[in-house]
Amino acid sequence: MDTIQWPAQSPDLNLIEAVWMDIETELGETWGQIGDILLLQQHVRIIWEQIAVERLDSLIRSMPDRLRAVIAAEGNATPY
């Protein structure tokens, strides 16, 4: 198996960061600020369950471009 050196703290290569951003955006746009932790957990679960398979497939397919961007940026920030 070929491996790459993973730049420290690289959200560009951590696809869950993109998913969390989607969840944060949905929370902010749909429910605003939620002060109750149980209500927040419920809403995050609802949003998580509504994430389309196509969105996840798109993120996975973006990995080659993400890798190229991180390599080109020598581990620094990228557009992702």
PDB file of N, CA and C in Angstrom:
ATOM      1  N   MET A   1       0.849  -1.171   0.000  1.00  0.00           N
ATOM      2  CA  MET A   1       0.000   0.000   0.000  1.00  0.00           C
ATOM      3  C   MET A   1       0.894   1.233   0.000  1.00  0.00           C
ATOM      4  N   ASP A   2       0.619   2.134  -0.919  1.00  0.00           N
ATOM      5  CA  ASP A   2       1.346   3.391  -0.964  1.00  0.00           C
ATOM      6  C   ASP A   2       0.792   4.319   0.110  1.00  0.00           C
ATOM      7  N   THR A   3       1.662   5.037   0.757  1.00  0.00           N
ATOM      8  CA  THR A   3       1.236   5.996   1.775  1.00  0.00           C
ATOM      9  C   THR A   3       1.863   7.348   1.485  1.00  0.00           C
ATOM     10  N   ILE A   4       1.320   8.366   2.115  1.00  0.00           N
ATOM     11  CA  ILE A   4       1.885   9.706   2.025  1.00  0.00           C
ATOM     12  C   ILE A   4       2.147  10.203   3.432  1.00  0.00           C
ATOM     13  N   GLN A   5       3.048  11.161   3.562  1.00  0.00           N
ATOM     14  CA  GLN A   5       3.207  11.819   4.844  1.00  0.00           C
ATOM     15  C   GLN A   5       2.002  12.734   5.014  1.00  0.00           C
ATOM     16  N   TRP A   6       1.360  12.626   6.142  1.00  0.00           N
ATOM     17  CA  TRP A   6       0.158  13.409   6.406  1.00  0.00           C
ATOM     18  C   TRP A   6       0.565  14.688   7.131  1.00  0.00           C
ATOM     19  N   PRO A   7       0.374  15.851   6.514  1.00  0.00           N
ATOM     20  CA  PRO A   7       0.740  17.093   7.198  1.00  0.00           C
ATOM     21  C   PRO A   7      -0.040  17.233   8.509  1.00  0.00           C
ATOM     22  N   ALA A   8       0.641  17.662   9.537  1.00  0.00           N
ATOM     23  CA  ALA A   8      -0.008  17.828  10.847  1.00  0.00           C
ATOM     24  C   ALA A   8      -1.186  18.790  10.743  1.00  0.00           C
ATOM     25  N   GLN A   9      -2.259  18.448  11.418  1.00  0.00           N
ATOM     26  CA  GLN A   9      -3.433  19.317  11.493  1.00  0.00           C
ATOM     27  C   GLN A   9      -3.941  19.721  10.112  1.00  0.00           C
ATOM     28  N   SER A  10      -4.120  18.770   9.233  1.00  0.00           N
ATOM     29  CA  SER A  10      -4.540  19.086   7.870  1.00  0.00           C
ATOM     30  C   SER A  10      -6.034  18.837   7.676  1.00  0.00           C
ATOM     31  N   PRO A  11      -6.869  19.857   7.914  1.00  0.00           N
ATOM     32  CA  PRO A  11      -8.304  19.676   7.689  1.00  0.00           C
ATOM     33  C   PRO A  11      -8.639  19.453   6.220  1.00  0.00           C
ATOM     34  N   ASP A  12      -7.718  19.852   5.328  1.00  0.00           N
ATOM     35  CA  ASP A  12      -7.937  19.670   3.891  1.00  0.00           C
ATOM     36  C   ASP A  12      -8.037  18.189   3.529  1.00  0.00           C
ATOM     37  N   LEU A  13      -7.380  17.331   4.305  1.00  0.00           N
ATOM     38  CA  LEU A  13      -7.384  15.895   4.022  1.00  0.00           C
ATOM     39  C   LEU A  13      -8.300  15.127   4.964  1.00  0.00           C
ATOM     40  N   ASN A  14      -8.970  15.819   5.843  1.00  0.00           N
ATOM     41  CA  ASN A  14      -9.855  15.184   6.807  1.00  0.00           C
ATOM     42  C   ASN A  14     -11.291  15.471   6.374  1.00  0.00           C
ATOM     43  N   LEU A  15     -11.883  14.516   5.690  1.00  0.00           N
ATOM     44  CA  LEU A  15     -13.202  14.743   5.094  1.00  0.00           C
ATOM     45  C   LEU A  15     -14.290  14.996   6.122  1.00  0.00           C
ATOM     46  N   ILE A  16     -14.124  14.483   7.331  1.00  0.00           N
ATOM     47  CA  ILE A  16     -15.154  14.721   8.343  1.00  0.00           C
ATOM     48  C   ILE A  16     -15.252  16.211   8.670  1.00  0.00           C
ATOM     49  N   GLU A  17     -14.150  16.955   8.467  1.00  0.00           N
ATOM     50  CA  GLU A  17     -14.197  18.403   8.700  1.00  0.00           C
ATOM     51  C   GLU A  17     -15.197  19.067   7.758  1.00  0.00           C
ATOM     52  N   ALA A  18     -15.257  18.603   6.520  1.00  0.00           N
ATOM     53  CA  ALA A  18     -16.227  19.152   5.561  1.00  0.00           C
ATOM     54  C   ALA A  18     -17.651  18.804   5.988  1.00  0.00           C
ATOM     55  N   VAL A  19     -17.834  17.597   6.491  1.00  0.00           N
ATOM     56  CA  VAL A  19     -19.163  17.177   6.954  1.00  0.00           C
ATOM     57  C   VAL A  19     -19.574  17.998   8.173  1.00  0.00           C
ATOM     58  N   TRP A  20     -18.633  18.216   9.098  1.00  0.00           N
ATOM     59  CA  TRP A  20     -18.943  19.040  10.265  1.00  0.00           C
ATOM     60  C   TRP A  20     -19.312  20.462   9.847  1.00  0.00           C
ATOM     61  N   MET A  21     -18.629  20.984   8.831  1.00  0.00           N
ATOM     62  CA  MET A  21     -18.952  22.328   8.342  1.00  0.00           C
ATOM     63  C   MET A  21     -20.384  22.355   7.797  1.00  0.00           C
ATOM     64  N   ASP A  22     -20.770  21.292   7.079  1.00  0.00           N
ATOM     65  CA  ASP A  22     -22.153  21.197   6.586  1.00  0.00           C
ATOM     66  C   ASP A  22     -23.141  21.221   7.753  1.00  0.00           C
ATOM     67  N   ILE A  23     -22.820  20.456   8.799  1.00  0.00           N
ATOM     68  CA  ILE A  23     -23.704  20.386   9.964  1.00  0.00           C
ATOM     69  C   ILE A  23     -23.783  21.747  10.647  1.00  0.00           C
ATOM     70  N   GLU A  24     -22.639  22.396  10.832  1.00  0.00           N
ATOM     71  CA  GLU A  24     -22.620  23.719  11.456  1.00  0.00           C
ATOM     72  C   GLU A  24     -23.429  24.726  10.649  1.00  0.00           C
ATOM     73  N   THR A  25     -23.284  24.675   9.336  1.00  0.00           N
ATOM     74  CA  THR A  25     -24.022  25.589   8.468  1.00  0.00           C
ATOM     75  C   THR A  25     -25.517  25.351   8.599  1.00  0.00           C
ATOM     76  N   GLU A  26     -25.914  24.096   8.555  1.00  0.00           N
ATOM     77  CA  GLU A  26     -27.342  23.761   8.680  1.00  0.00           C
ATOM     78  C   GLU A  26     -27.885  24.189  10.035  1.00  0.00           C
ATOM     79  N   LEU A  27     -27.147  23.969  11.084  1.00  0.00           N
ATOM     80  CA  LEU A  27     -27.590  24.390  12.417  1.00  0.00           C
ATOM     81  C   LEU A  27     -27.776  25.895  12.475  1.00  0.00           C
ATOM     82  N   GLY A  28     -26.813  26.615  11.927  1.00  0.00           N
ATOM     83  CA  GLY A  28     -26.884  28.072  11.971  1.00  0.00           C
ATOM     84  C   GLY A  28     -28.024  28.630  11.158  1.00  0.00           C
ATOM     85  N   GLU A  29     -28.260  28.032   9.999  1.00  0.00           N
ATOM     86  CA  GLU A  29     -29.297  28.549   9.103  1.00  0.00           C
ATOM     87  C   GLU A  29     -30.691  28.112   9.528  1.00  0.00           C
ATOM     88  N   THR A  30     -30.807  26.914  10.071  1.00  0.00           N
ATOM     89  CA  THR A  30     -32.121  26.364  10.349  1.00  0.00           C
ATOM     90  C   THR A  30     -32.604  26.649  11.764  1.00  0.00           C
ATOM     91  N   TRP A  31     -31.738  26.454  12.718  1.00  0.00           N
ATOM     92  CA  TRP A  31     -32.185  26.568  14.102  1.00  0.00           C
ATOM     93  C   TRP A  31     -31.529  27.692  14.887  1.00  0.00           C
ATOM     94  N   GLY A  32     -30.579  28.374  14.293  1.00  0.00           N
ATOM     95  CA  GLY A  32     -29.900  29.435  15.022  1.00  0.00           C
ATOM     96  C   GLY A  32     -29.135  28.885  16.206  1.00  0.00           C
ATOM     97  N   GLN A  33     -28.993  29.668  17.220  1.00  0.00           N
ATOM     98  CA  GLN A  33     -28.256  29.234  18.400  1.00  0.00           C
ATOM     99  C   GLN A  33     -29.174  28.425  19.311  1.00  0.00           C
ATOM    100  N   ILE A  34     -28.701  27.243  19.691  1.00  0.00           N
ATOM    101  CA  ILE A  34     -29.471  26.352  20.554  1.00  0.00           C
ATOM    102  C   ILE A  34     -28.756  26.285  21.897  1.00  0.00           C
ATOM    103  N   GLY A  35     -29.439  26.648  22.974  1.00  0.00           N
ATOM    104  CA  GLY A  35     -28.820  26.683  24.289  1.00  0.00           C
ATOM    105  C   GLY A  35     -28.929  25.389  25.074  1.00  0.00           C
ATOM    106  N   ASP A  36     -29.810  24.500  24.672  1.00  0.00           N
ATOM    107  CA  ASP A  36     -30.033  23.255  25.405  1.00  0.00           C
ATOM    108  C   ASP A  36     -29.249  22.121  24.751  1.00  0.00           C
ATOM    109  N   ILE A  37     -28.383  21.449  25.504  1.00  0.00           N
ATOM    110  CA  ILE A  37     -27.507  20.415  24.949  1.00  0.00           C
ATOM    111  C   ILE A  37     -28.300  19.234  24.385  1.00  0.00           C
ATOM    112  N   LEU A  38     -29.371  18.841  25.030  1.00  0.00           N
ATOM    113  CA  LEU A  38     -30.171  17.716  24.515  1.00  0.00           C
ATOM    114  C   LEU A  38     -30.828  18.076  23.192  1.00  0.00           C
ATOM    115  N   LEU A  39     -31.330  19.286  23.103  1.00  0.00           N
ATOM    116  CA  LEU A  39     -31.936  19.749  21.853  1.00  0.00           C
ATOM    117  C   LEU A  39     -30.876  19.831  20.751  1.00  0.00           C
ATOM    118  N   LEU A  40     -29.691  20.308  21.097  1.00  0.00           N
ATOM    119  CA  LEU A  40     -28.599  20.368  20.138  1.00  0.00           C
ATOM    120  C   LEU A  40     -28.244  18.969  19.637  1.00  0.00           C
ATOM    121  N   GLN A  41     -28.143  18.008  20.534  1.00  0.00           N
ATOM    122  CA  GLN A  41     -27.838  16.628  20.138  1.00  0.00           C
ATOM    123  C   GLN A  41     -28.901  16.082  19.184  1.00  0.00           C
ATOM    124  N   GLN A  42     -30.150  16.355  19.477  1.00  0.00           N
ATOM    125  CA  GLN A  42     -31.235  15.879  18.611  1.00  0.00           C
ATOM    126  C   GLN A  42     -31.114  16.475  17.212  1.00  0.00           C
ATOM    127  N   HIS A  43     -30.850  17.764  17.153  1.00  0.00           N
ATOM    128  CA  HIS A  43     -30.767  18.431  15.858  1.00  0.00           C
ATOM    129  C   HIS A  43     -29.549  17.972  15.062  1.00  0.00           C
ATOM    130  N   VAL A  44     -28.428  17.785  15.737  1.00  0.00           N
ATOM    131  CA  VAL A  44     -27.241  17.276  15.039  1.00  0.00           C
ATOM    132  C   VAL A  44     -27.522  15.893  14.486  1.00  0.00           C
ATOM    133  N   ARG A  45     -28.186  15.051  15.249  1.00  0.00           N
ATOM    134  CA  ARG A  45     -28.527  13.698  14.779  1.00  0.00           C
ATOM    135  C   ARG A  45     -29.456  13.762  13.558  1.00  0.00           C
ATOM    136  N   ILE A  46     -30.426  14.648  13.581  1.00  0.00           N
ATOM    137  CA  ILE A  46     -31.349  14.800  12.443  1.00  0.00           C
ATOM    138  C   ILE A  46     -30.571  15.218  11.197  1.00  0.00           C
ATOM    139  N   ILE A  47     -29.704  16.219  11.346  1.00  0.00           N
ATOM    140  CA  ILE A  47     -28.913  16.695  10.207  1.00  0.00           C
ATOM    141  C   ILE A  47     -27.989  15.587   9.711  1.00  0.00           C
ATOM    142  N   TRP A  48     -27.329  14.885  10.628  1.00  0.00           N
ATOM    143  CA  TRP A  48     -26.411  13.791  10.267  1.00  0.00           C
ATOM    144  C   TRP A  48     -27.138  12.744   9.421  1.00  0.00           C
ATOM    145  N   GLU A  49     -28.338  12.388   9.829  1.00  0.00           N
ATOM    146  CA  GLU A  49     -29.105  11.362   9.120  1.00  0.00           C
ATOM    147  C   GLU A  49     -29.584  11.838   7.754  1.00  0.00           C
ATOM    148  N   GLN A  50     -29.613  13.147   7.538  1.00  0.00           N
ATOM    149  CA  GLN A  50     -30.080  13.691   6.265  1.00  0.00           C
ATOM    150  C   GLN A  50     -28.945  13.935   5.266  1.00  0.00           C
ATOM    151  N   ILE A  51     -27.705  13.663   5.667  1.00  0.00           N
ATOM    152  CA  ILE A  51     -26.583  13.863   4.746  1.00  0.00           C
ATOM    153  C   ILE A  51     -26.720  12.874   3.596  1.00  0.00           C
ATOM    154  N   ALA A  52     -26.742  13.395   2.404  1.00  0.00           N
ATOM    155  CA  ALA A  52     -26.951  12.559   1.217  1.00  0.00           C
ATOM    156  C   ALA A  52     -25.707  11.726   0.916  1.00  0.00           C
ATOM    157  N   VAL A  53     -25.943  10.524   0.461  1.00  0.00           N
ATOM    158  CA  VAL A  53     -24.850   9.640   0.050  1.00  0.00           C
ATOM    159  C   VAL A  53     -24.041  10.308  -1.055  1.00  0.00           C
ATOM    160  N   GLU A  54     -24.713  11.058  -1.907  1.00  0.00           N
ATOM    161  CA  GLU A  54     -24.023  11.761  -2.994  1.00  0.00           C
ATOM    162  C   GLU A  54     -23.009  12.769  -2.443  1.00  0.00           C
ATOM    163  N   ARG A  55     -23.349  13.414  -1.332  1.00  0.00           N
ATOM    164  CA  ARG A  55     -22.414  14.362  -0.710  1.00  0.00           C
ATOM    165  C   ARG A  55     -21.159  13.626  -0.239  1.00  0.00           C
ATOM    166  N   LEU A  56     -21.355  12.489   0.404  1.00  0.00           N
ATOM    167  CA  LEU A  56     -20.220  11.710   0.894  1.00  0.00           C
ATOM    168  C   LEU A  56     -19.390  11.172  -0.267  1.00  0.00           C
ATOM    169  N   ASP A  57     -20.051  10.697  -1.314  1.00  0.00           N
ATOM    170  CA  ASP A  57     -19.341  10.226  -2.509  1.00  0.00           C
ATOM    171  C   ASP A  57     -18.517  11.357  -3.129  1.00  0.00           C
ATOM    172  N   SER A  58     -19.101  12.547  -3.167  1.00  0.00           N
ATOM    173  CA  SER A  58     -18.408  13.703  -3.733  1.00  0.00           C
ATOM    174  C   SER A  58     -17.141  14.020  -2.934  1.00  0.00           C
ATOM    175  N   LEU A  59     -17.242  13.958  -1.623  1.00  0.00           N
ATOM    176  CA  LEU A  59     -16.071  14.204  -0.788  1.00  0.00           C
ATOM    177  C   LEU A  59     -14.991  13.161  -1.037  1.00  0.00           C
ATOM    178  N   ILE A  60     -15.382  11.918  -1.127  1.00  0.00           N
ATOM    179  CA  ILE A  60     -14.416  10.848  -1.375  1.00  0.00           C
ATOM    180  C   ILE A  60     -13.746  11.047  -2.731  1.00  0.00           C
ATOM    181  N   ARG A  61     -14.548  11.382  -3.747  1.00  0.00           N
ATOM    182  CA  ARG A  61     -13.989  11.609  -5.083  1.00  0.00           C
ATOM    183  C   ARG A  61     -13.066  12.825  -5.125  1.00  0.00           C
ATOM    184  N   SER A  62     -13.219  13.736  -4.167  1.00  0.00           N
ATOM    185  CA  SER A  62     -12.378  14.932  -4.154  1.00  0.00           C
ATOM    186  C   SER A  62     -10.984  14.670  -3.582  1.00  0.00           C
ATOM    187  N   MET A  63     -10.745  13.506  -3.006  1.00  0.00           N
ATOM    188  CA  MET A  63      -9.457  13.243  -2.358  1.00  0.00           C
ATOM    189  C   MET A  63      -8.254  13.395  -3.282  1.00  0.00           C
ATOM    190  N   PRO A  64      -8.259  12.880  -4.517  1.00  0.00           N
ATOM    191  CA  PRO A  64      -7.086  13.095  -5.374  1.00  0.00           C
ATOM    192  C   PRO A  64      -6.765  14.580  -5.562  1.00  0.00           C
ATOM    193  N   ASP A  65      -7.792  15.404  -5.781  1.00  0.00           N
ATOM    194  CA  ASP A  65      -7.568  16.845  -5.936  1.00  0.00           C
ATOM    195  C   ASP A  65      -7.068  17.466  -4.633  1.00  0.00           C
ATOM    196  N   ARG A  66      -7.601  17.013  -3.525  1.00  0.00           N
ATOM    197  CA  ARG A  66      -7.157  17.511  -2.221  1.00  0.00           C
ATOM    198  C   ARG A  66      -5.696  17.163  -1.986  1.00  0.00           C
ATOM    199  N   LEU A  67      -5.336  15.925  -2.313  1.00  0.00           N
ATOM    200  CA  LEU A  67      -3.948  15.500  -2.140  1.00  0.00           C
ATOM    201  C   LEU A  67      -3.012  16.338  -3.005  1.00  0.00           C
ATOM    202  N   ARG A  68      -3.393  16.528  -4.267  1.00  0.00           N
ATOM    203  CA  ARG A  68      -2.561  17.344  -5.158  1.00  0.00           C
ATOM    204  C   ARG A  68      -2.414  18.767  -4.628  1.00  0.00           C
ATOM    205  N   ALA A  69      -3.514  19.325  -4.106  1.00  0.00           N
ATOM    206  CA  ALA A  69      -3.470  20.698  -3.595  1.00  0.00           C
ATOM    207  C   ALA A  69      -2.562  20.806  -2.370  1.00  0.00           C
ATOM    208  N   VAL A  70      -2.639  19.830  -1.473  1.00  0.00           N
ATOM    209  CA  VAL A  70      -1.789  19.860  -0.282  1.00  0.00           C
ATOM    210  C   VAL A  70      -0.318  19.688  -0.661  1.00  0.00           C
ATOM    211  N   ILE A  71      -0.051  18.794  -1.611  1.00  0.00           N
ATOM    212  CA  ILE A  71       1.327  18.596  -2.072  1.00  0.00           C
ATOM    213  C   ILE A  71       1.846  19.877  -2.723  1.00  0.00           C
ATOM    214  N   ALA A  72       1.029  20.486  -3.585  1.00  0.00           N
ATOM    215  CA  ALA A  72       1.442  21.731  -4.259  1.00  0.00           C
ATOM    216  C   ALA A  72       1.683  22.852  -3.264  1.00  0.00           C
ATOM    217  N   ALA A  73       0.899  22.865  -2.189  1.00  0.00           N
ATOM    218  CA  ALA A  73       1.040  23.913  -1.178  1.00  0.00           C
ATOM    219  C   ALA A  73       2.080  23.535  -0.114  1.00  0.00           C
ATOM    220  N   GLU A  74       2.732  22.406  -0.327  1.00  0.00           N
ATOM    221  CA  GLU A  74       3.751  21.907   0.601  1.00  0.00           C
ATOM    222  C   GLU A  74       3.220  21.817   2.028  1.00  0.00           C
ATOM    223  N   GLY A  75       1.969  21.341   2.134  1.00  0.00           N
ATOM    224  CA  GLY A  75       1.363  21.138   3.461  1.00  0.00           C
ATOM    225  C   GLY A  75       0.711  22.369   4.044  1.00  0.00           C
ATOM    226  N   ASN A  76       0.778  23.472   3.356  1.00  0.00           N
ATOM    227  CA  ASN A  76       0.134  24.697   3.847  1.00  0.00           C
ATOM    228  C   ASN A  76      -1.336  24.706   3.430  1.00  0.00           C
ATOM    229  N   ALA A  77      -2.013  25.797   3.720  1.00  0.00           N
ATOM    230  CA  ALA A  77      -3.448  25.915   3.451  1.00  0.00           C
ATOM    231  C   ALA A  77      -3.736  25.773   1.949  1.00  0.00           C
ATOM    232  N   THR A  78      -4.899  25.214   1.663  1.00  0.00           N
ATOM    233  CA  THR A  78      -5.367  25.039   0.286  1.00  0.00           C
ATOM    234  C   THR A  78      -6.781  25.621   0.178  1.00  0.00           C
ATOM    235  N   PRO A  79      -7.353  25.651  -1.020  1.00  0.00           N
ATOM    236  CA  PRO A  79      -8.725  26.134  -1.164  1.00  0.00           C
ATOM    237  C   PRO A  79      -9.762  25.254  -0.478  1.00  0.00           C
ATOM    238  N   TYR A  80      -9.366  24.042  -0.090  1.00  0.00           N
ATOM    239  CA  TYR A  80     -10.317  23.148   0.572  1.00  0.00           C
ATOM    240  C   TYR A  80     -10.418  23.513   2.019  1.00  0.00           C
TER     241      TYR A  80
END
